[in-house]
Amino acid sequence: MAIIVNLDVMMAKRKMSLNELSEKVDLTLSNLSILKTGKAKAIRFSTLEAICKALDCQPGDILEFKN
């Protein structure tokens, strides 16, 4: 997959656990875990926006394109 999800990196930089992020963005742990491991097939812009607000980052900090 050419899209790399760096959610775990941003969470570590912000010292935020998966449980804490789950509560802040109102997403289940299992859905966040799927996203964090890169197994998600899609992400809603509203979800991405909520994650960026919670982690105080830009979408490009979480998603990366690699050939």
N, C-alpha and C. Protein backbone atom coordinates (compact mmCIF):
# COMPACT_ATOMS: atom_id res chain seq x y z
N MET A 1 0.85 -1.18 0.00
CA MET A 1 0.00 0.00 0.00
C MET A 1 0.89 1.24 0.00
N ALA A 2 0.58 2.20 -0.83
CA ALA A 2 1.40 3.39 -0.99
C ALA A 2 1.11 4.46 0.05
N ILE A 3 -0.03 4.36 0.74
CA ILE A 3 -0.35 5.33 1.78
C ILE A 3 0.08 4.76 3.13
N ILE A 4 0.94 5.48 3.82
CA ILE A 4 1.44 5.06 5.12
C ILE A 4 0.74 5.88 6.20
N VAL A 5 0.25 5.21 7.24
CA VAL A 5 -0.43 5.87 8.34
C VAL A 5 0.55 5.99 9.51
N ASN A 6 0.85 7.23 9.89
CA ASN A 6 1.79 7.51 10.97
C ASN A 6 1.08 7.94 12.25
N LEU A 7 -0.09 7.38 12.49
CA LEU A 7 -0.87 7.75 13.66
C LEU A 7 -0.12 7.42 14.94
N ASP A 8 0.52 6.26 14.98
CA ASP A 8 1.27 5.87 16.18
C ASP A 8 2.42 6.82 16.48
N VAL A 9 3.06 7.35 15.45
CA VAL A 9 4.15 8.30 15.63
C VAL A 9 3.65 9.59 16.26
N MET A 10 2.53 10.10 15.72
CA MET A 10 1.96 11.34 16.26
C MET A 10 1.45 11.15 17.68
N MET A 11 0.88 9.99 17.95
CA MET A 11 0.40 9.71 19.31
C MET A 11 1.57 9.68 20.29
N ALA A 12 2.68 9.09 19.87
CA ALA A 12 3.87 9.03 20.73
C ALA A 12 4.44 10.43 20.97
N LYS A 13 4.47 11.25 19.91
CA LYS A 13 4.98 12.62 20.06
C LYS A 13 4.13 13.42 21.03
N ARG A 14 2.82 13.17 21.03
CA ARG A 14 1.90 13.90 21.91
C ARG A 14 1.67 13.19 23.25
N LYS A 15 2.34 12.03 23.40
CA LYS A 15 2.22 11.21 24.62
C LYS A 15 0.75 10.92 24.93
N MET A 16 0.03 10.47 23.89
CA MET A 16 -1.39 10.18 24.03
C MET A 16 -1.63 8.70 23.77
N SER A 17 -2.39 8.07 24.62
CA SER A 17 -2.70 6.65 24.46
C SER A 17 -3.86 6.48 23.48
N LEU A 18 -4.02 5.25 23.03
CA LEU A 18 -5.12 4.93 22.12
C LEU A 18 -6.46 5.17 22.82
N ASN A 19 -6.53 4.83 24.10
CA ASN A 19 -7.77 5.04 24.87
C ASN A 19 -8.12 6.52 24.95
N GLU A 20 -7.12 7.34 25.22
CA GLU A 20 -7.35 8.79 25.34
C GLU A 20 -7.79 9.38 24.00
N LEU A 21 -7.13 8.98 22.93
CA LEU A 21 -7.49 9.49 21.60
C LEU A 21 -8.90 9.02 21.23
N SER A 22 -9.21 7.78 21.56
CA SER A 22 -10.53 7.23 21.28
C SER A 22 -11.63 8.08 21.93
N GLU A 23 -11.41 8.47 23.17
CA GLU A 23 -12.38 9.30 23.88
C GLU A 23 -12.50 10.68 23.26
N LYS A 24 -11.37 11.26 22.86
CA LYS A 24 -11.37 12.62 22.32
C LYS A 24 -12.04 12.71 20.95
N VAL A 25 -11.88 11.68 20.12
CA VAL A 25 -12.43 11.73 18.77
C VAL A 25 -13.73 10.94 18.63
N ASP A 26 -14.17 10.34 19.73
CA ASP A 26 -15.42 9.58 19.75
C ASP A 26 -15.42 8.49 18.69
N LEU A 27 -14.37 7.67 18.72
CA LEU A 27 -14.22 6.55 17.81
C LEU A 27 -13.89 5.32 18.65
N THR A 28 -14.35 4.16 18.23
CA THR A 28 -14.08 2.95 19.01
C THR A 28 -12.60 2.60 18.96
N LEU A 29 -12.16 1.88 19.99
CA LEU A 29 -10.76 1.44 20.02
C LEU A 29 -10.43 0.56 18.82
N SER A 30 -11.37 -0.30 18.46
CA SER A 30 -11.10 -1.20 17.34
C SER A 30 -10.95 -0.44 16.02
N ASN A 31 -11.78 0.58 15.79
CA ASN A 31 -11.65 1.37 14.56
C ASN A 31 -10.35 2.17 14.55
N LEU A 32 -9.97 2.73 15.69
CA LEU A 32 -8.70 3.45 15.77
C LEU A 32 -7.52 2.50 15.56
N SER A 33 -7.62 1.32 16.11
CA SER A 33 -6.56 0.33 15.97
C SER A 33 -6.38 -0.08 14.51
N ILE A 34 -7.49 -0.26 13.81
CA ILE A 34 -7.44 -0.60 12.37
C ILE A 34 -6.75 0.51 11.60
N LEU A 35 -7.07 1.74 11.93
CA LEU A 35 -6.44 2.89 11.27
C LEU A 35 -4.95 2.95 11.62
N LYS A 36 -4.64 2.77 12.88
CA LYS A 36 -3.26 2.87 13.37
C LYS A 36 -2.35 1.83 12.72
N THR A 37 -2.87 0.63 12.51
CA THR A 37 -2.06 -0.45 11.92
C THR A 37 -1.99 -0.38 10.40
N GLY A 38 -2.72 0.58 9.80
CA GLY A 38 -2.67 0.73 8.35
C GLY A 38 -3.58 -0.23 7.61
N LYS A 39 -4.49 -0.89 8.31
CA LYS A 39 -5.39 -1.85 7.67
C LYS A 39 -6.68 -1.22 7.17
N ALA A 40 -6.89 0.05 7.45
CA ALA A 40 -8.10 0.74 7.02
C ALA A 40 -8.06 0.96 5.50
N LYS A 41 -9.20 0.83 4.87
CA LYS A 41 -9.30 1.06 3.42
C LYS A 41 -9.65 2.50 3.10
N ALA A 42 -10.22 3.22 4.09
CA ALA A 42 -10.64 4.61 3.88
C ALA A 42 -10.74 5.31 5.23
N ILE A 43 -10.78 6.64 5.17
CA ILE A 43 -11.00 7.43 6.37
C ILE A 43 -11.87 8.62 6.00
N ARG A 44 -12.86 8.89 6.80
CA ARG A 44 -13.71 10.05 6.55
C ARG A 44 -12.95 11.32 6.90
N PHE A 45 -13.22 12.38 6.14
CA PHE A 45 -12.58 13.66 6.44
C PHE A 45 -12.94 14.14 7.83
N SER A 46 -14.16 13.87 8.27
CA SER A 46 -14.57 14.29 9.62
C SER A 46 -13.75 13.57 10.69
N THR A 47 -13.44 12.31 10.45
CA THR A 47 -12.60 11.54 11.39
C THR A 47 -11.18 12.08 11.37
N LEU A 48 -10.65 12.32 10.19
CA LEU A 48 -9.30 12.87 10.06
C LEU A 48 -9.21 14.23 10.73
N GLU A 49 -10.24 15.05 10.55
CA GLU A 49 -10.27 16.37 11.18
C GLU A 49 -10.27 16.25 12.70
N ALA A 50 -11.07 15.34 13.24
CA ALA A 50 -11.14 15.14 14.69
C ALA A 50 -9.80 14.66 15.25
N ILE A 51 -9.13 13.76 14.52
CA ILE A 51 -7.83 13.26 14.96
C ILE A 51 -6.80 14.39 14.94
N CYS A 52 -6.82 15.19 13.87
CA CYS A 52 -5.88 16.31 13.77
C CYS A 52 -6.10 17.33 14.88
N LYS A 53 -7.36 17.60 15.23
CA LYS A 53 -7.65 18.51 16.33
C LYS A 53 -7.15 17.95 17.65
N ALA A 54 -7.39 16.67 17.89
CA ALA A 54 -6.99 16.04 19.15
C ALA A 54 -5.47 15.97 19.29
N LEU A 55 -4.77 15.75 18.18
CA LEU A 55 -3.31 15.62 18.22
C LEU A 55 -2.59 16.92 17.87
N ASP A 56 -3.35 17.97 17.55
CA ASP A 56 -2.79 19.26 17.16
C ASP A 56 -1.76 19.08 16.06
N CYS A 57 -2.22 18.52 14.94
CA CYS A 57 -1.32 18.26 13.82
C CYS A 57 -2.05 18.48 12.50
N GLN A 58 -1.35 18.29 11.41
CA GLN A 58 -1.90 18.42 10.07
C GLN A 58 -2.15 17.01 9.49
N PRO A 59 -3.06 16.88 8.52
CA PRO A 59 -3.30 15.57 7.91
C PRO A 59 -2.03 14.92 7.36
N GLY A 60 -1.13 15.74 6.85
CA GLY A 60 0.14 15.22 6.32
C GLY A 60 1.06 14.66 7.37
N ASP A 61 0.81 15.00 8.63
CA ASP A 61 1.59 14.42 9.73
C ASP A 61 1.14 12.98 10.00
N ILE A 62 -0.09 12.66 9.61
CA ILE A 62 -0.66 11.35 9.87
C ILE A 62 -0.59 10.45 8.65
N LEU A 63 -0.85 11.00 7.49
CA LEU A 63 -0.87 10.24 6.24
C LEU A 63 0.32 10.62 5.36
N GLU A 64 0.93 9.60 4.76
CA GLU A 64 2.12 9.83 3.94
C GLU A 64 2.02 8.94 2.71
N PHE A 65 2.44 9.45 1.56
CA PHE A 65 2.45 8.69 0.33
C PHE A 65 3.88 8.24 0.00
N LYS A 66 4.03 6.96 -0.26
CA LYS A 66 5.34 6.41 -0.68
C LYS A 66 5.15 5.51 -1.88
N ASN A 67 6.05 5.64 -2.84
CA ASN A 67 6.03 4.77 -4.03
C ASN A 67 6.56 3.40 -3.67
